[in-house]
PDB file of N, CA and C in Angstrom:
ATOM      1  N   MET A   1     184.436  68.561-114.915  1.00  0.00           N
ATOM      2  CA  MET A   1     185.266  69.622-114.815  1.00  0.00           C
ATOM      3  C   MET A   1     184.852  69.806-113.332  1.00  0.00           C
ATOM      4  N   GLU A   2     183.741  69.798-112.544  1.00  0.00           N
ATOM      5  CA  GLU A   2     183.715  70.275-111.407  1.00  0.00           C
ATOM      6  C   GLU A   2     184.443  69.374-110.568  1.00  0.00           C
ATOM      7  N   VAL A   3     184.685  68.067-111.018  1.00  0.00           N
ATOM      8  CA  VAL A   3     185.518  67.509-110.127  1.00  0.00           C
ATOM      9  C   VAL A   3     187.053  67.853-109.761  1.00  0.00           C
ATOM     10  N   LEU A   4     187.479  68.723-111.282  1.00  0.00           N
ATOM     11  CA  LEU A   4     188.973  69.235-110.689  1.00  0.00           C
ATOM     12  C   LEU A   4     189.048  69.991-109.707  1.00  0.00           C
ATOM     13  N   ILE A   5     187.819  70.610-108.931  1.00  0.00           N
ATOM     14  CA  ILE A   5     187.989  71.748-107.733  1.00  0.00           C
ATOM     15  C   ILE A   5     188.306  70.702-106.307  1.00  0.00           C
ATOM     16  N   TYR A   6     188.434  69.642-106.366  1.00  0.00           N
ATOM     17  CA  TYR A   6     188.493  68.721-105.253  1.00  0.00           C
ATOM     18  C   TYR A   6     189.765  68.345-105.658  1.00  0.00           C
ATOM     19  N   LEU A   7     190.088  67.680-107.432  1.00  0.00           N
ATOM     20  CA  LEU A   7     190.799  66.860-107.357  1.00  0.00           C
ATOM     21  C   LEU A   7     192.666  67.220-107.278  1.00  0.00           C
ATOM     22  N   ILE A   8     192.509  68.722-107.986  1.00  0.00           N
ATOM     23  CA  ILE A   8     194.093  69.367-107.727  1.00  0.00           C
ATOM     24  C   ILE A   8     194.247  69.597-106.265  1.00  0.00           C
ATOM     25  N   PRO A   9     193.125  70.074-105.414  1.00  0.00           N
ATOM     26  CA  PRO A   9     194.044  70.190-104.059  1.00  0.00           C
ATOM     27  C   PRO A   9     194.502  69.558-103.678  1.00  0.00           C
ATOM     28  N   ILE A  10     193.442  68.109-103.843  1.00  0.00           N
ATOM     29  CA  ILE A  10     194.168  66.903-103.541  1.00  0.00           C
ATOM     30  C   ILE A  10     195.048  66.441-103.774  1.00  0.00           C
ATOM     31  N   ALA A  11     195.494  66.708-104.693  1.00  0.00           N
ATOM     32  CA  ALA A  11     197.228  65.941-105.734  1.00  0.00           C
ATOM     33  C   ALA A  11     198.212  67.188-105.033  1.00  0.00           C
ATOM     34  N   LEU A  12     197.703  68.326-104.764  1.00  0.00           N
ATOM     35  CA  LEU A  12     198.408  68.969-104.051  1.00  0.00           C
ATOM     36  C   LEU A  12     198.760  68.735-102.453  1.00  0.00           C
ATOM     37  N   VAL A  13     198.285  68.414-101.855  1.00  0.00           N
ATOM     38  CA  VAL A  13     198.446  68.020-100.333  1.00  0.00           C
ATOM     39  C   VAL A  13     199.382  66.933-100.331  1.00  0.00           C
ATOM     40  N   LEU A  14     198.768  66.048-101.565  1.00  0.00           N
ATOM     41  CA  LEU A  14     199.806  64.461-101.130  1.00  0.00           C
ATOM     42  C   LEU A  14     201.384  64.697-102.019  1.00  0.00           C
ATOM     43  N   GLY A  15     201.418  65.876-102.633  1.00  0.00           N
ATOM     44  CA  GLY A  15     202.507  66.116-103.065  1.00  0.00           C
ATOM     45  C   GLY A  15     203.898  66.510-102.366  1.00  0.00           C
ATOM     46  N   GLY A  16     203.124  67.469-101.612  1.00  0.00           N
ATOM     47  CA  GLY A  16     203.651  68.207-100.401  1.00  0.00           C
ATOM     48  C   GLY A  16     203.735  67.333 -99.421  1.00  0.00           C
ATOM     49  N   ALA A  17     202.746  66.974 -98.909  1.00  0.00           N
ATOM     50  CA  ALA A  17     203.335  65.567 -97.783  1.00  0.00           C
ATOM     51  C   ALA A  17     204.386  64.011 -98.312  1.00  0.00           C
ATOM     52  N   GLY A  18     204.122  64.119 -99.642  1.00  0.00           N
ATOM     53  CA  GLY A  18     205.883  63.318-100.030  1.00  0.00           C
ATOM     54  C   GLY A  18     206.799  64.020-100.041  1.00  0.00           C
ATOM     55  N   LEU A  19     206.646  65.333-100.428  1.00  0.00           N
ATOM     56  CA  LEU A  19     208.484  66.391-100.528  1.00  0.00           C
ATOM     57  C   LEU A  19     208.421  66.291 -98.749  1.00  0.00           C
ATOM     58  N   VAL A  20     207.822  66.516 -97.993  1.00  0.00           N
ATOM     59  CA  VAL A  20     207.929  66.840 -96.747  1.00  0.00           C
ATOM     60  C   VAL A  20     208.652  65.366 -95.780  1.00  0.00           C
ATOM     61  N   ALA A  21     208.003  64.306 -96.432  1.00  0.00           N
ATOM     62  CA  ALA A  21     208.465  62.733 -95.884  1.00  0.00           C
ATOM     63  C   ALA A  21     209.958  62.810 -96.485  1.00  0.00           C
ATOM     64  N   PHE A  22     210.061  63.222 -97.585  1.00  0.00           N
ATOM     65  CA  PHE A  22     211.315  63.154 -98.560  1.00  0.00           C
ATOM     66  C   PHE A  22     212.413  63.731 -97.697  1.00  0.00           C
ATOM     67  N   LEU A  23     211.698  65.132 -97.355  1.00  0.00           N
ATOM     68  CA  LEU A  23     213.124  66.047 -96.812  1.00  0.00           C
ATOM     69  C   LEU A  23     213.156  65.866 -95.319  1.00  0.00           C
ATOM     70  N   TRP A  24     212.181  64.981 -95.018  1.00  0.00           N
ATOM     71  CA  TRP A  24     212.398  64.487 -93.406  1.00  0.00           C
ATOM     72  C   TRP A  24     213.698  63.319 -93.164  1.00  0.00           C
ATOM     73  N   SER A  25     213.260  62.985 -94.196  1.00  0.00           N
ATOM     74  CA  SER A  25     214.602  61.197 -94.506  1.00  0.00           C
ATOM     75  C   SER A  25     215.366  61.972 -94.509  1.00  0.00           C
ATOM     76  N   LEU A  26     215.512  62.933 -95.466  1.00  0.00           N
ATOM     77  CA  LEU A  26     217.322  63.512 -95.626  1.00  0.00           C
ATOM     78  C   LEU A  26     217.653  63.839 -94.781  1.00  0.00           C
ATOM     79  N   ARG A  27     217.142  64.751 -93.590  1.00  0.00           N
ATOM     80  CA  ARG A  27     217.840  65.148 -92.805  1.00  0.00           C
ATOM     81  C   ARG A  27     217.701  64.193 -90.858  1.00  0.00           C
ATOM     82  N   SER A  28     217.273  63.067 -91.345  1.00  0.00           N
ATOM     83  CA  SER A  28     217.410  62.360 -90.250  1.00  0.00           C
ATOM     84  C   SER A  28     218.307  61.222 -91.036  1.00  0.00           C
ATOM     85  N   GLY A  29     218.886  61.312 -91.763  1.00  0.00           N
ATOM     86  CA  GLY A  29     220.358  60.318 -92.073  1.00  0.00           C
ATOM     87  C   GLY A  29     219.547  59.364 -92.707  1.00  0.00           C
ATOM     88  N   GLN A  30     218.903  58.904 -93.221  1.00  0.00           N
ATOM     89  CA  GLN A  30     218.298  57.489 -94.124  1.00  0.00           C
ATOM     90  C   GLN A  30     218.899  56.876 -95.307  1.00  0.00           C
ATOM     91  N   TYR A  31     220.101  58.569 -96.067  1.00  0.00           N
ATOM     92  CA  TYR A  31     220.629  58.294 -97.003  1.00  0.00           C
ATOM     93  C   TYR A  31     222.217  58.709 -96.805  1.00  0.00           C
ATOM     94  N   ASP A  32     223.034  58.860 -95.782  1.00  0.00           N
ATOM     95  CA  ASP A  32     223.849  58.818 -95.536  1.00  0.00           C
ATOM     96  C   ASP A  32     224.700  57.399 -95.366  1.00  0.00           C
ATOM     97  N   ASP A  33     224.950  56.458 -95.440  1.00  0.00           N
ATOM     98  CA  ASP A  33     224.863  54.650 -95.637  1.00  0.00           C
ATOM     99  C   ASP A  33     224.855  54.268 -96.178  1.00  0.00           C
ATOM    100  N   MET A  34     225.517  54.180 -97.737  1.00  0.00           N
ATOM    101  CA  MET A  34     225.010  53.994 -98.884  1.00  0.00           C
ATOM    102  C   MET A  34     225.165  52.730 -99.289  1.00  0.00           C
ATOM    103  N   GLU A  35     226.029  52.282 -98.941  1.00  0.00           N
ATOM    104  CA  GLU A  35     227.393  51.094 -98.773  1.00  0.00           C
ATOM    105  C   GLU A  35     227.067  50.102 -97.981  1.00  0.00           C
ATOM    106  N   GLY A  36     226.865  50.557 -96.645  1.00  0.00           N
ATOM    107  CA  GLY A  36     226.940  49.685 -95.766  1.00  0.00           C
ATOM    108  C   GLY A  36     225.426  48.428 -95.636  1.00  0.00           C
ATOM    109  N   PRO A  37     224.279  48.918 -96.089  1.00  0.00           N
ATOM    110  CA  PRO A  37     223.612  47.862 -96.052  1.00  0.00           C
ATOM    111  C   PRO A  37     223.882  46.548 -97.064  1.00  0.00           C
ATOM    112  N   LYS A  38     224.086  47.081 -98.347  1.00  0.00           N
ATOM    113  CA  LYS A  38     224.739  46.082 -98.877  1.00  0.00           C
ATOM    114  C   LYS A  38     225.705  44.730 -98.512  1.00  0.00           C
ATOM    115  N   TRP A  39     226.395  45.130 -97.505  1.00  0.00           N
ATOM    116  CA  TRP A  39     227.566  44.713 -97.055  1.00  0.00           C
ATOM    117  C   TRP A  39     227.041  43.926 -96.064  1.00  0.00           C
ATOM    118  N   ARG A  40     226.261  44.338 -95.166  1.00  0.00           N
ATOM    119  CA  ARG A  40     225.631  44.037 -94.038  1.00  0.00           C
ATOM    120  C   ARG A  40     224.559  42.534 -94.570  1.00  0.00           C
ATOM    121  N   ILE A  41     224.055  42.890 -95.877  1.00  0.00           N
ATOM    122  CA  ILE A  41     223.630  41.165 -96.254  1.00  0.00           C
ATOM    123  C   ILE A  41     224.372  40.116 -96.516  1.00  0.00           C
ATOM    124  N   LEU A  42     225.682  40.409 -96.753  1.00  0.00           N
ATOM    125  CA  LEU A  42     226.544  39.569 -96.704  1.00  0.00           C
ATOM    126  C   LEU A  42     227.442  38.780 -95.955  1.00  0.00           C
ATOM    127  N   ASP A  43     227.159  39.749 -94.662  1.00  0.00           N
ATOM    128  CA  ASP A  43     227.865  39.414 -93.429  1.00  0.00           C
ATOM    129  C   ASP A  43     227.122  38.006 -92.678  1.00  0.00           C
ATOM    130  N   ASP A  44     227.660  37.168 -92.841  1.00  0.00           N
ATOM    131  CA  ASP A  44     227.518  35.934 -91.935  1.00  0.00           C
ATOM    132  C   ASP A  44     227.595  35.759 -90.518  1.00  0.00           C
ATOM    133  N   GLY A  45     226.771  36.850 -89.620  1.00  0.00           N
ATOM    134  CA  GLY A  45     227.273  36.895 -88.243  1.00  0.00           C
ATOM    135  C   GLY A  45     227.372  35.158 -87.656  1.00  0.00           C
ATOM    136  N   ASP A  46     226.447  34.274 -88.182  1.00  0.00           N
ATOM    137  CA  ASP A  46     226.289  33.362 -87.311  1.00  0.00           C
ATOM    138  C   ASP A  46     227.727  32.273 -87.502  1.00  0.00           C
ATOM    139  N   LEU A  47     228.081  32.614 -88.618  1.00  0.00           N
ATOM    140  CA  LEU A  47     229.641  31.897 -89.049  1.00  0.00           C
ATOM    141  C   LEU A  47     230.033  31.856 -87.467  1.00  0.00           C
ATOM    142  N   GLN A  48     231.006  32.898 -86.737  1.00  0.00           N
ATOM    143  CA  GLN A  48     231.433  32.806 -85.480  1.00  0.00           C
ATOM    144  C   GLN A  48     231.117  31.824 -84.629  1.00  0.00           C
ATOM    145  N   GLU A  49     229.605  31.783 -84.383  1.00  0.00           N
ATOM    146  CA  GLU A  49     229.022  30.710 -83.790  1.00  0.00           C
ATOM    147  C   GLU A  49     229.478  29.432 -83.599  1.00  0.00           C
ATOM    148  N   ASN A  50     229.296  29.145 -84.838  1.00  0.00           N
ATOM    149  CA  ASN A  50     229.468  27.645 -86.057  1.00  0.00           C
ATOM    150  C   ASN A  50     231.007  27.371 -85.636  1.00  0.00           C
ATOM    151  N   THR A  51     231.449  28.202 -85.617  1.00  0.00           N
ATOM    152  CA  THR A  51     233.432  27.915 -85.724  1.00  0.00           C
ATOM    153  C   THR A  51     233.615  27.438 -84.420  1.00  0.00           C
ATOM    154  N   GLU A  52     233.351  28.125 -83.094  1.00  0.00           N
ATOM    155  CA  GLU A  52     233.833  27.537 -81.896  1.00  0.00           C
ATOM    156  C   GLU A  52     233.563  26.357 -81.440  1.00  0.00           C
ATOM    157  N   PRO A  53     232.591  25.587 -82.177  1.00  0.00           N
ATOM    158  CA  PRO A  53     232.068  24.214 -81.741  1.00  0.00           C
ATOM    159  C   PRO A  53     233.270  23.234 -82.343  1.00  0.00           C
ATOM    160  N   VAL A  54     233.441  23.588 -83.843  1.00  0.00           N
ATOM    161  CA  VAL A  54     234.143  23.032 -84.747  1.00  0.00           C
ATOM    162  C   VAL A  54     235.684  22.850 -84.037  1.00  0.00           C
ATOM    163  N   GLU A  55     236.246  23.906 -83.686  1.00  0.00           N
ATOM    164  CA  GLU A  55     237.571  24.644 -83.481  1.00  0.00           C
ATOM    165  C   GLU A  55     237.502  23.682 -81.703  1.00  0.00           C
ATOM    166  N   ALA A  56     236.571  23.557 -81.173  1.00  0.00           N
ATOM    167  CA  ALA A  56     236.780  22.989 -80.074  1.00  0.00           C
ATOM    168  C   ALA A  56     236.407  21.305 -80.473  1.00  0.00           C
ATOM    169  N   ALA A  57     235.751  20.626 -81.481  1.00  0.00           N
ATOM    170  CA  ALA A  57     235.875  19.609 -82.077  1.00  0.00           C
ATOM    171  C   ALA A  57     237.414  19.086 -82.227  1.00  0.00           C
ATOM    172  N   LYS A  58     237.870  20.188 -83.379  1.00  0.00           N
ATOM    173  CA  LYS A  58     239.172  19.602 -83.698  1.00  0.00           C
ATOM    174  C   LYS A  58     240.134  19.073 -82.066  1.00  0.00           C
ATOM    175  N   ARG A  59     239.960  20.467 -81.508  1.00  0.00           N
ATOM    176  CA  ARG A  59     240.907  19.901 -80.156  1.00  0.00           C
ATOM    177  C   ARG A  59     240.982  19.021 -79.535  1.00  0.00           C
ATOM    178  N   LYS A  60     239.543  18.120 -79.298  1.00  0.00           N
ATOM    179  CA  LYS A  60     239.522  16.886 -78.825  1.00  0.00           C
ATOM    180  C   LYS A  60     239.882  15.828 -79.350  1.00  0.00           C
ATOM    181  N   VAL A  61     239.970  15.659 -81.255  1.00  0.00           N
ATOM    182  CA  VAL A  61     240.624  14.798 -81.837  1.00  0.00           C
ATOM    183  C   VAL A  61     241.927  14.915 -82.074  1.00  0.00           C
ATOM    184  N   SER A  62     242.801  15.958 -81.752  1.00  0.00           N
ATOM    185  CA  SER A  62     244.143  16.214 -81.825  1.00  0.00           C
ATOM    186  C   SER A  62     244.886  16.285 -80.212  1.00  0.00           C
TER     187      SER A  62
END
C-alpha cells in the first residue's frame, strides 16, 4: 500500500502532461484539416512528370 504514495502522483503528472500535449495540438492546428490528408495519400504527384515524356513521344511519332 505504500507504493500508492508514489504511483498516484506519477499517474496524475503523466495524465496532466497528456492533457497539456493534447491542448497544445489543438491550438497548433493539428486537427484543422481532417479531409486533406486522406486525399493527399491518393494524389499521384509523379503522374505529371511521367506524362511529359509520353506526350513528347506521341508528337515525334505523329
